[in-house]
All heavy atoms as atom14 arrays in JSON, in Angstrom:
{
  "sequence": "VKYPDRTLKIGDSWEEKRELQNADPTSGLQIAQTTGIRYKVKDFEE",
  "atom14_mask": [
    [1, 1, 1, 1, 1, 1, 1, 0, 0, 0, 0, 0, 0, 0],
    [1, 1, 1, 1, 1, 1, 1, 1, 1, 0, 0, 0, 0, 0],
    [1, 1, 1, 1, 1, 1, 1, 1, 1, 1, 1, 1, 0, 0],
    [1, 1, 1, 1, 1, 1, 1, 0, 0, 0, 0, 0, 0, 0],
    [1, 1, 1, 1, 1, 1, 1, 1, 0, 0, 0, 0, 0, 0],
    [1, 1, 1, 1, 1, 1, 1, 1, 1, 1, 1, 0, 0, 0],
    [1, 1, 1, 1, 1, 1, 1, 0, 0, 0, 0, 0, 0, 0],
    [1, 1, 1, 1, 1, 1, 1, 1, 0, 0, 0, 0, 0, 0],
    [1, 1, 1, 1, 1, 1, 1, 1, 1, 0, 0, 0, 0, 0],
    [1, 1, 1, 1, 1, 1, 1, 1, 0, 0, 0, 0, 0, 0],
    [1, 1, 1, 1, 0, 0, 0, 0, 0, 0, 0, 0, 0, 0],
    [1, 1, 1, 1, 1, 1, 1, 1, 0, 0, 0, 0, 0, 0],
    [1, 1, 1, 1, 1, 1, 0, 0, 0, 0, 0, 0, 0, 0],
    [1, 1, 1, 1, 1, 1, 1, 1, 1, 1, 1, 1, 1, 1],
    [1, 1, 1, 1, 1, 1, 1, 1, 1, 0, 0, 0, 0, 0],
    [1, 1, 1, 1, 1, 1, 1, 1, 1, 0, 0, 0, 0, 0],
    [1, 1, 1, 1, 1, 1, 1, 1, 1, 0, 0, 0, 0, 0],
    [1, 1, 1, 1, 1, 1, 1, 1, 1, 1, 1, 0, 0, 0],
    [1, 1, 1, 1, 1, 1, 1, 1, 1, 0, 0, 0, 0, 0],
    [1, 1, 1, 1, 1, 1, 1, 1, 0, 0, 0, 0, 0, 0],
    [1, 1, 1, 1, 1, 1, 1, 1, 1, 0, 0, 0, 0, 0],
    [1, 1, 1, 1, 1, 1, 1, 1, 0, 0, 0, 0, 0, 0],
    [1, 1, 1, 1, 1, 0, 0, 0, 0, 0, 0, 0, 0, 0],
    [1, 1, 1, 1, 1, 1, 1, 1, 0, 0, 0, 0, 0, 0],
    [1, 1, 1, 1, 1, 1, 1, 0, 0, 0, 0, 0, 0, 0],
    [1, 1, 1, 1, 1, 1, 1, 0, 0, 0, 0, 0, 0, 0],
    [1, 1, 1, 1, 1, 1, 0, 0, 0, 0, 0, 0, 0, 0],
    [1, 1, 1, 1, 0, 0, 0, 0, 0, 0, 0, 0, 0, 0],
    [1, 1, 1, 1, 1, 1, 1, 1, 0, 0, 0, 0, 0, 0],
    [1, 1, 1, 1, 1, 1, 1, 1, 1, 0, 0, 0, 0, 0],
    [1, 1, 1, 1, 1, 1, 1, 1, 0, 0, 0, 0, 0, 0],
    [1, 1, 1, 1, 1, 0, 0, 0, 0, 0, 0, 0, 0, 0],
    [1, 1, 1, 1, 1, 1, 1, 1, 1, 0, 0, 0, 0, 0],
    [1, 1, 1, 1, 1, 1, 1, 0, 0, 0, 0, 0, 0, 0],
    [1, 1, 1, 1, 1, 1, 1, 0, 0, 0, 0, 0, 0, 0],
    [1, 1, 1, 1, 0, 0, 0, 0, 0, 0, 0, 0, 0, 0],
    [1, 1, 1, 1, 1, 1, 1, 1, 0, 0, 0, 0, 0, 0],
    [1, 1, 1, 1, 1, 1, 1, 1, 1, 1, 1, 0, 0, 0],
    [1, 1, 1, 1, 1, 1, 1, 1, 1, 1, 1, 1, 0, 0],
    [1, 1, 1, 1, 1, 1, 1, 1, 1, 0, 0, 0, 0, 0],
    [1, 1, 1, 1, 1, 1, 1, 0, 0, 0, 0, 0, 0, 0],
    [1, 1, 1, 1, 1, 1, 1, 1, 1, 0, 0, 0, 0, 0],
    [1, 1, 1, 1, 1, 1, 1, 1, 0, 0, 0, 0, 0, 0],
    [1, 1, 1, 1, 1, 1, 1, 1, 1, 1, 1, 0, 0, 0],
    [1, 1, 1, 1, 1, 1, 1, 1, 1, 0, 0, 0, 0, 0],
    [1, 1, 1, 1, 1, 1, 1, 1, 1, 0, 0, 0, 0, 0]
  ],
  "atom14_positions": [
    [[7.23, 3.27, -14.93], [7.78, 2.22, -14.09], [9.26, 2.06, -14.44], [9.61, 2.03, -15.61], [7.05, 0.88, -14.33], [7.72, -0.26, -13.57], [5.58, 1.0, -13.96], [0.0, 0.0, 0.0], [0.0, 0.0, 0.0], [0.0, 0.0, 0.0], [0.0, 0.0, 0.0], [0.0, 0.0, 0.0], [0.0, 0.0, 0.0], [0.0, 0.0, 0.0]],
    [[10.1, 1.97, -13.43], [11.52, 1.73, -13.65], [11.76, 0.23, -13.49], [11.73, -0.3, -12.4], [12.35, 2.53, -12.66], [12.19, 4.01, -12.86], [12.86, 4.81, -11.77], [12.51, 6.27, -11.96], [12.62, 7.05, -10.77], [0.0, 0.0, 0.0], [0.0, 0.0, 0.0], [0.0, 0.0, 0.0], [0.0, 0.0, 0.0], [0.0, 0.0, 0.0]],
    [[11.97, -0.45, -14.63], [12.16, -1.89, -14.62], [13.6, -2.24, -14.28], [14.53, -1.52, -14.64], [11.82, -2.48, -15.99], [10.34, -2.46, -16.29], [9.75, -1.39, -16.96], [9.52, -3.51, -15.88], [8.39, -1.37, -17.22], [8.16, -3.49, -16.14], [7.6, -2.42, -16.82], [6.26, -2.4, -17.06], [0.0, 0.0, 0.0], [0.0, 0.0, 0.0]],
    [[13.81, -3.37, -13.59], [15.18, -3.8, -13.31], [15.87, -4.23, -14.6], [15.22, -4.58, -15.58], [15.0, -5.0, -12.36], [13.59, -5.44, -12.52], [12.81, -4.26, -13.04], [0.0, 0.0, 0.0], [0.0, 0.0, 0.0], [0.0, 0.0, 0.0], [0.0, 0.0, 0.0], [0.0, 0.0, 0.0], [0.0, 0.0, 0.0], [0.0, 0.0, 0.0]],
    [[17.18, -4.2, -14.59], [17.98, -4.52, -15.77], [18.26, -6.03, -15.82], [19.38, -6.49, -15.64], [19.29, -3.73, -15.73], [20.06, -3.85, -17.04], [19.43, -4.19, -18.06], [21.27, -3.62, -17.04], [0.0, 0.0, 0.0], [0.0, 0.0, 0.0], [0.0, 0.0, 0.0], [0.0, 0.0, 0.0], [0.0, 0.0, 0.0], [0.0, 0.0, 0.0]],
    [[17.19, -6.79, -15.99], [17.29, -8.24, -16.11], [16.02, -8.76, -16.79], [15.02, -8.07, -16.87], [17.47, -8.9, -14.73], [16.27, -8.76, -13.82], [16.49, -9.49, -12.49], [15.27, -9.58, -11.71], [14.89, -8.72, -10.78], [15.66, -7.69, -10.51], [13.77, -8.88, -10.12], [0.0, 0.0, 0.0], [0.0, 0.0, 0.0], [0.0, 0.0, 0.0]],
    [[16.07, -9.99, -17.26], [14.9, -10.62, -17.85], [13.9, -10.94, -16.74], [14.28, -11.53, -15.73], [15.29, -11.91, -18.6], [16.24, -11.57, -19.62], [14.09, -12.57, -19.25], [0.0, 0.0, 0.0], [0.0, 0.0, 0.0], [0.0, 0.0, 0.0], [0.0, 0.0, 0.0], [0.0, 0.0, 0.0], [0.0, 0.0, 0.0], [0.0, 0.0, 0.0]],
    [[12.66, -10.55, -16.92], [11.64, -10.77, -15.91], [10.87, -12.05, -16.16], [10.69, -12.47, -17.29], [10.65, -9.6, -15.9], [11.2, -8.24, -15.51], [10.15, -7.17, -15.71], [11.69, -8.26, -14.07], [0.0, 0.0, 0.0], [0.0, 0.0, 0.0], [0.0, 0.0, 0.0], [0.0, 0.0, 0.0], [0.0, 0.0, 0.0], [0.0, 0.0, 0.0]],
    [[10.42, -12.67, -15.07], [9.55, -13.84, -15.16], [8.41, -13.66, -14.15], [8.5, -12.82, -13.25], [10.32, -15.13, -14.92], [11.0, -15.25, -13.59], [11.85, -16.52, -13.53], [12.5, -16.74, -12.21], [13.39, -15.74, -11.74], [0.0, 0.0, 0.0], [0.0, 0.0, 0.0], [0.0, 0.0, 0.0], [0.0, 0.0, 0.0], [0.0, 0.0, 0.0]],
    [[7.35, -14.44, -14.31], [6.21, -14.34, -13.41], [6.67, -14.6, -11.97], [7.42, -15.53, -11.71], [5.1, -15.32, -13.83], [4.54, -14.9, -15.2], [3.99, -15.39, -12.79], [3.55, -15.87, -15.8], [0.0, 0.0, 0.0], [0.0, 0.0, 0.0], [0.0, 0.0, 0.0], [0.0, 0.0, 0.0], [0.0, 0.0, 0.0], [0.0, 0.0, 0.0]],
    [[6.23, -13.74, -11.06], [6.6, -13.86, -9.65], [7.75, -12.96, -9.24], [7.97, -12.73, -8.05], [0.0, 0.0, 0.0], [0.0, 0.0, 0.0], [0.0, 0.0, 0.0], [0.0, 0.0, 0.0], [0.0, 0.0, 0.0], [0.0, 0.0, 0.0], [0.0, 0.0, 0.0], [0.0, 0.0, 0.0], [0.0, 0.0, 0.0], [0.0, 0.0, 0.0]],
    [[8.54, -12.44, -10.21], [9.63, -11.52, -9.87], [9.06, -10.26, -9.24], [7.97, -9.79, -9.59], [10.41, -11.12, -11.12], [11.41, -12.18, -11.55], [11.58, -13.17, -10.82], [12.03, -12.0, -12.62], [0.0, 0.0, 0.0], [0.0, 0.0, 0.0], [0.0, 0.0, 0.0], [0.0, 0.0, 0.0], [0.0, 0.0, 0.0], [0.0, 0.0, 0.0]],
    [[9.82, -9.69, -8.31], [9.39, -8.43, -7.69], [10.6, -7.55, -7.45], [11.74, -8.03, -7.39], [8.64, -8.7, -6.39], [9.48, -9.3, -5.44], [0.0, 0.0, 0.0], [0.0, 0.0, 0.0], [0.0, 0.0, 0.0], [0.0, 0.0, 0.0], [0.0, 0.0, 0.0], [0.0, 0.0, 0.0], [0.0, 0.0, 0.0], [0.0, 0.0, 0.0]],
    [[10.35, -6.26, -7.33], [11.38, -5.29, -7.01], [10.72, -4.08, -6.38], [9.51, -3.9, -6.45], [12.2, -4.9, -8.25], [11.46, -4.13, -9.29], [11.45, -2.77, -9.47], [10.6, -4.66, -10.32], [10.65, -2.44, -10.53], [10.12, -3.58, -11.07], [10.2, -5.94, -10.67], [9.25, -3.75, -12.15], [9.35, -6.11, -11.75], [8.89, -5.02, -12.47]],
    [[11.53, -3.27, -5.71], [11.01, -2.1, -5.0], [11.8, -0.87, -5.41], [12.94, -0.96, -5.83], [11.12, -2.3, -3.49], [10.27, -3.42, -2.96], [10.36, -3.56, -1.45], [10.7, -2.58, -0.77], [10.09, -4.66, -0.96], [0.0, 0.0, 0.0], [0.0, 0.0, 0.0], [0.0, 0.0, 0.0], [0.0, 0.0, 0.0], [0.0, 0.0, 0.0]],
    [[11.16, 0.26, -5.24], [11.85, 1.53, -5.41], [11.26, 2.55, -4.45], [10.14, 2.39, -3.97], [11.78, 2.03, -6.86], [10.41, 2.48, -7.3], [10.44, 3.08, -8.69], [10.26, 2.32, -9.67], [10.62, 4.3, -8.8], [0.0, 0.0, 0.0], [0.0, 0.0, 0.0], [0.0, 0.0, 0.0], [0.0, 0.0, 0.0], [0.0, 0.0, 0.0]],
    [[12.04, 3.54, -4.14], [11.58, 4.63, -3.29], [11.66, 5.92, -4.09], [12.61, 6.15, -4.81], [12.44, 4.75, -2.03], [12.21, 3.63, -1.05], [12.7, 4.05, 0.32], [12.55, 2.94, 1.34], [11.19, 2.6, 1.63], [0.0, 0.0, 0.0], [0.0, 0.0, 0.0], [0.0, 0.0, 0.0], [0.0, 0.0, 0.0], [0.0, 0.0, 0.0]],
    [[10.63, 6.73, -3.93], [10.61, 8.04, -4.57], [10.41, 9.09, -3.5], [9.51, 8.98, -2.67], [9.48, 8.12, -5.6], [9.66, 7.13, -6.73], [8.55, 7.21, -7.72], [8.73, 6.21, -8.77], [7.88, 6.03, -9.76], [6.79, 6.77, -9.84], [8.11, 5.11, -10.67], [0.0, 0.0, 0.0], [0.0, 0.0, 0.0], [0.0, 0.0, 0.0]],
    [[11.27, 10.08, -3.52], [11.18, 11.14, -2.52], [10.76, 12.44, -3.18], [11.22, 12.76, -4.27], [12.53, 11.3, -1.81], [12.9, 10.07, -1.01], [14.16, 10.26, -0.19], [14.63, 11.41, -0.08], [14.66, 9.25, 0.33], [0.0, 0.0, 0.0], [0.0, 0.0, 0.0], [0.0, 0.0, 0.0], [0.0, 0.0, 0.0], [0.0, 0.0, 0.0]],
    [[9.88, 13.14, -2.51], [9.36, 14.4, -3.02], [9.46, 15.44, -1.91], [9.02, 15.2, -0.79], [7.89, 14.23, -3.46], [7.16, 15.47, -3.92], [7.8, 16.03, -5.19], [5.7, 15.17, -4.15], [0.0, 0.0, 0.0], [0.0, 0.0, 0.0], [0.0, 0.0, 0.0], [0.0, 0.0, 0.0], [0.0, 0.0, 0.0], [0.0, 0.0, 0.0]],
    [[10.05, 16.56, -2.24], [10.1, 17.67, -1.3], [9.45, 18.87, -1.96], [9.71, 19.16, -3.12], [11.53, 17.99, -0.88], [12.13, 16.87, -0.07], [13.38, 17.3, 0.66], [13.76, 18.46, 0.63], [14.01, 16.37, 1.33], [0.0, 0.0, 0.0], [0.0, 0.0, 0.0], [0.0, 0.0, 0.0], [0.0, 0.0, 0.0], [0.0, 0.0, 0.0]],
    [[8.59, 19.52, -1.2], [7.84, 20.62, -1.76], [7.57, 21.63, -0.65], [7.56, 21.29, 0.52], [6.52, 20.08, -2.33], [5.99, 20.95, -3.44], [6.42, 22.07, -3.62], [5.03, 20.43, -4.18], [0.0, 0.0, 0.0], [0.0, 0.0, 0.0], [0.0, 0.0, 0.0], [0.0, 0.0, 0.0], [0.0, 0.0, 0.0], [0.0, 0.0, 0.0]],
    [[7.32, 22.84, -1.03], [6.97, 23.87, -0.06], [5.5, 24.22, -0.22], [5.01, 24.35, -1.33], [7.84, 25.11, -0.27], [0.0, 0.0, 0.0], [0.0, 0.0, 0.0], [0.0, 0.0, 0.0], [0.0, 0.0, 0.0], [0.0, 0.0, 0.0], [0.0, 0.0, 0.0], [0.0, 0.0, 0.0], [0.0, 0.0, 0.0], [0.0, 0.0, 0.0]],
    [[4.82, 24.36, 0.9], [3.42, 24.78, 0.89], [3.41, 26.31, 0.86], [3.82, 26.96, 1.83], [2.71, 24.26, 2.14], [1.25, 24.65, 2.19], [0.8, 25.39, 1.28], [0.56, 24.24, 3.13], [0.0, 0.0, 0.0], [0.0, 0.0, 0.0], [0.0, 0.0, 0.0], [0.0, 0.0, 0.0], [0.0, 0.0, 0.0], [0.0, 0.0, 0.0]],
    [[2.95, 26.92, -0.24], [3.04, 28.38, -0.37], [2.18, 29.12, 0.64], [2.49, 30.25, 1.01], [2.56, 28.64, -1.8], [1.86, 27.42, -2.24], [2.37, 26.29, -1.42], [0.0, 0.0, 0.0], [0.0, 0.0, 0.0], [0.0, 0.0, 0.0], [0.0, 0.0, 0.0], [0.0, 0.0, 0.0], [0.0, 0.0, 0.0], [0.0, 0.0, 0.0]],
    [[1.11, 28.51, 1.14], [0.24, 29.23, 2.07], [0.83, 29.29, 3.47], [0.65, 30.28, 4.17], [-1.16, 28.56, 2.15], [-1.01, 27.2, 2.52], [-1.86, 28.65, 0.81], [0.0, 0.0, 0.0], [0.0, 0.0, 0.0], [0.0, 0.0, 0.0], [0.0, 0.0, 0.0], [0.0, 0.0, 0.0], [0.0, 0.0, 0.0], [0.0, 0.0, 0.0]],
    [[1.54, 28.25, 3.89], [2.09, 28.24, 5.25], [3.6, 28.41, 5.28], [4.17, 28.71, 6.32], [1.72, 26.93, 5.95], [2.38, 25.85, 5.32], [0.0, 0.0, 0.0], [0.0, 0.0, 0.0], [0.0, 0.0, 0.0], [0.0, 0.0, 0.0], [0.0, 0.0, 0.0], [0.0, 0.0, 0.0], [0.0, 0.0, 0.0], [0.0, 0.0, 0.0]],
    [[4.24, 28.2, 4.14], [5.7, 28.29, 4.1], [6.39, 27.05, 4.63], [7.61, 27.01, 4.75], [0.0, 0.0, 0.0], [0.0, 0.0, 0.0], [0.0, 0.0, 0.0], [0.0, 0.0, 0.0], [0.0, 0.0, 0.0], [0.0, 0.0, 0.0], [0.0, 0.0, 0.0], [0.0, 0.0, 0.0], [0.0, 0.0, 0.0], [0.0, 0.0, 0.0]],
    [[5.62, 26.02, 4.98], [6.2, 24.79, 5.51], [6.8, 23.95, 4.39], [6.27, 23.91, 3.29], [5.14, 23.97, 6.24], [4.56, 24.56, 7.51], [3.44, 23.67, 8.04], [5.64, 24.74, 8.57], [0.0, 0.0, 0.0], [0.0, 0.0, 0.0], [0.0, 0.0, 0.0], [0.0, 0.0, 0.0], [0.0, 0.0, 0.0], [0.0, 0.0, 0.0]],
    [[7.88, 23.27, 4.71], [8.5, 22.34, 3.79], [7.85, 20.97, 3.97], [7.71, 20.5, 5.09], [10.01, 22.27, 4.07], [10.81, 21.55, 3.02], [10.94, 22.33, 1.72], [10.6, 23.5, 1.64], [11.42, 21.67, 0.69], [0.0, 0.0, 0.0], [0.0, 0.0, 0.0], [0.0, 0.0, 0.0], [0.0, 0.0, 0.0], [0.0, 0.0, 0.0]],
    [[7.45, 20.35, 2.9], [6.79, 19.06, 2.95], [7.7, 18.02, 2.31], [8.16, 18.2, 1.19], [5.45, 19.1, 2.19], [4.52, 20.14, 2.83], [4.79, 17.72, 2.17], [3.31, 20.46, 1.99], [0.0, 0.0, 0.0], [0.0, 0.0, 0.0], [0.0, 0.0, 0.0], [0.0, 0.0, 0.0], [0.0, 0.0, 0.0], [0.0, 0.0, 0.0]],
    [[7.98, 16.94, 3.05], [8.8, 15.85, 2.53], [7.95, 14.59, 2.53], [7.29, 14.28, 3.52], [10.04, 15.65, 3.39], [0.0, 0.0, 0.0], [0.0, 0.0, 0.0], [0.0, 0.0, 0.0], [0.0, 0.0, 0.0], [0.0, 0.0, 0.0], [0.0, 0.0, 0.0], [0.0, 0.0, 0.0], [0.0, 0.0, 0.0], [0.0, 0.0, 0.0]],
    [[7.94, 13.9, 1.41], [7.14, 12.69, 1.28], [7.98, 11.6, 0.64], [8.67, 11.83, -0.34], [5.93, 12.99, 0.4], [5.07, 11.79, 0.07], [3.9, 12.18, -0.81], [3.19, 13.11, -0.51], [3.74, 11.47, -1.91], [0.0, 0.0, 0.0], [0.0, 0.0, 0.0], [0.0, 0.0, 0.0], [0.0, 0.0, 0.0], [0.0, 0.0, 0.0]],
    [[7.93, 10.41, 1.21], [8.61, 9.25, 0.64], [7.56, 8.22, 0.25], [6.72, 7.87, 1.06], [9.61, 8.63, 1.64], [10.55, 9.63, 2.03], [10.34, 7.45, 1.02], [0.0, 0.0, 0.0], [0.0, 0.0, 0.0], [0.0, 0.0, 0.0], [0.0, 0.0, 0.0], [0.0, 0.0, 0.0], [0.0, 0.0, 0.0], [0.0, 0.0, 0.0]],
    [[7.63, 7.77, -0.98], [6.71, 6.75, -1.46], [7.5, 5.49, -1.77], [8.47, 5.54, -2.52], [5.98, 7.23, -2.74], [5.31, 8.46, -2.47], [4.97, 6.2, -3.22], [0.0, 0.0, 0.0], [0.0, 0.0, 0.0], [0.0, 0.0, 0.0], [0.0, 0.0, 0.0], [0.0, 0.0, 0.0], [0.0, 0.0, 0.0], [0.0, 0.0, 0.0]],
    [[7.12, 4.4, -1.14], [7.71, 3.1, -1.44], [6.79, 2.37, -2.4], [5.59, 2.29, -2.18], [0.0, 0.0, 0.0], [0.0, 0.0, 0.0], [0.0, 0.0, 0.0], [0.0, 0.0, 0.0], [0.0, 0.0, 0.0], [0.0, 0.0, 0.0], [0.0, 0.0, 0.0], [0.0, 0.0, 0.0], [0.0, 0.0, 0.0], [0.0, 0.0, 0.0]],
    [[7.36, 1.86, -3.47], [6.57, 1.17, -4.49], [7.14, -0.24, -4.68], [8.34, -0.4, -4.89], [6.59, 1.92, -5.83], [6.16, 3.37, -5.62], [5.68, 1.23, -6.84], [6.38, 4.25, -6.82], [0.0, 0.0, 0.0], [0.0, 0.0, 0.0], [0.0, 0.0, 0.0], [0.0, 0.0, 0.0], [0.0, 0.0, 0.0], [0.0, 0.0, 0.0]],
    [[6.25, -1.23, -4.58], [6.67, -2.62, -4.78], [5.93, -3.15, -6.0], [4.7, -3.09, -6.08], [6.32, -3.46, -3.56], [6.83, -4.88, -3.65], [6.62, -5.61, -2.31], [7.3, -6.88, -2.31], [6.76, -8.01, -2.76], [5.54, -8.02, -3.23], [7.46, -9.13, -2.73], [0.0, 0.0, 0.0], [0.0, 0.0, 0.0], [0.0, 0.0, 0.0]],
    [[6.68, -3.66, -6.94], [6.13, -4.22, -8.18], [6.29, -5.74, -8.15], [7.32, -6.25, -7.69], [6.89, -3.7, -9.41], [6.87, -2.21, -9.56], [7.94, -1.44, -9.13], [5.79, -1.56, -10.14], [7.94, -0.07, -9.28], [5.77, -0.19, -10.29], [6.85, 0.56, -9.85], [6.85, 1.92, -10.0], [0.0, 0.0, 0.0], [0.0, 0.0, 0.0]],
    [[5.27, -6.45, -8.65], [5.35, -7.91, -8.78], [4.77, -8.3, -10.13], [3.68, -7.86, -10.5], [4.58, -8.59, -7.66], [4.69, -10.1, -7.7], [3.99, -10.73, -6.52], [4.14, -12.24, -6.56], [3.44, -12.86, -5.43], [0.0, 0.0, 0.0], [0.0, 0.0, 0.0], [0.0, 0.0, 0.0], [0.0, 0.0, 0.0], [0.0, 0.0, 0.0]],
    [[5.52, -9.1, -10.88], [5.07, -9.53, -12.2], [3.98, -10.59, -12.03], [4.21, -11.64, -11.44], [6.25, -10.11, -13.04], [5.75, -10.59, -14.39], [7.34, -9.07, -13.21], [0.0, 0.0, 0.0], [0.0, 0.0, 0.0], [0.0, 0.0, 0.0], [0.0, 0.0, 0.0], [0.0, 0.0, 0.0], [0.0, 0.0, 0.0], [0.0, 0.0, 0.0]],
    [[2.78, -10.29, -12.53], [1.65, -11.21, -12.44], [1.53, -12.09, -13.68], [1.21, -13.26, -13.59], [0.33, -10.44, -12.25], [0.26, -9.64, -10.96], [0.32, -10.52, -9.74], [-0.99, -11.23, -9.53], [-0.99, -12.08, -8.34], [0.0, 0.0, 0.0], [0.0, 0.0, 0.0], [0.0, 0.0, 0.0], [0.0, 0.0, 0.0], [0.0, 0.0, 0.0]],
    [[1.78, -11.51, -14.86], [1.59, -12.26, -16.1], [2.18, -11.46, -17.26], [2.57, -10.31, -17.1], [0.09, -12.5, -16.34], [-0.18, -13.73, -17.2], [0.78, -14.33, -17.72], [-1.36, -14.08, -17.35], [0.0, 0.0, 0.0], [0.0, 0.0, 0.0], [0.0, 0.0, 0.0], [0.0, 0.0, 0.0], [0.0, 0.0, 0.0], [0.0, 0.0, 0.0]],
    [[2.21, -12.1, -18.43], [2.62, -11.45, -19.67], [1.53, -11.66, -20.7], [0.86, -12.69, -20.71], [3.93, -12.05, -20.21], [5.11, -11.85, -19.3], [5.47, -12.8, -18.37], [5.85, -10.69, -19.38], [6.55, -12.62, -17.54], [6.94, -10.49, -18.55], [7.29, -11.46, -17.63], [0.0, 0.0, 0.0], [0.0, 0.0, 0.0], [0.0, 0.0, 0.0]],
    [[1.35, -10.69, -21.57], [0.42, -10.81, -22.69], [1.13, -10.35, -23.95], [2.01, -9.51, -23.89], [-0.82, -9.93, -22.48], [-1.74, -10.38, -21.39], [-2.97, -9.49, -21.26], [-3.08, -8.5, -22.01], [-3.82, -9.8, -20.41], [0.0, 0.0, 0.0], [0.0, 0.0, 0.0], [0.0, 0.0, 0.0], [0.0, 0.0, 0.0], [0.0, 0.0, 0.0]],
    [[0.69, -10.89, -25.09], [1.25, -10.46, -26.37], [0.36, -9.38, -26.97], [-0.85, -9.51, -26.98], [1.33, -11.63, -27.34], [2.51, -12.54, -27.11], [2.63, -13.56, -28.22], [2.74, -13.16, -29.4], [2.61, -14.75, -27.89], [0.0, 0.0, 0.0], [0.0, 0.0, 0.0], [0.0, 0.0, 0.0], [0.0, 0.0, 0.0], [0.0, 0.0, 0.0]]
  ]
}
């Protein structure tokens, strides 16, 4: 997880996008995939 550069508190949220490009060796097609990830702080434990 890539955490934001700040002190977190319960309820804080942030998003990131990850892009993946790959080639399918059987068909030769280029595959592009974008994943959006949303994180929300639920709680803290010691």
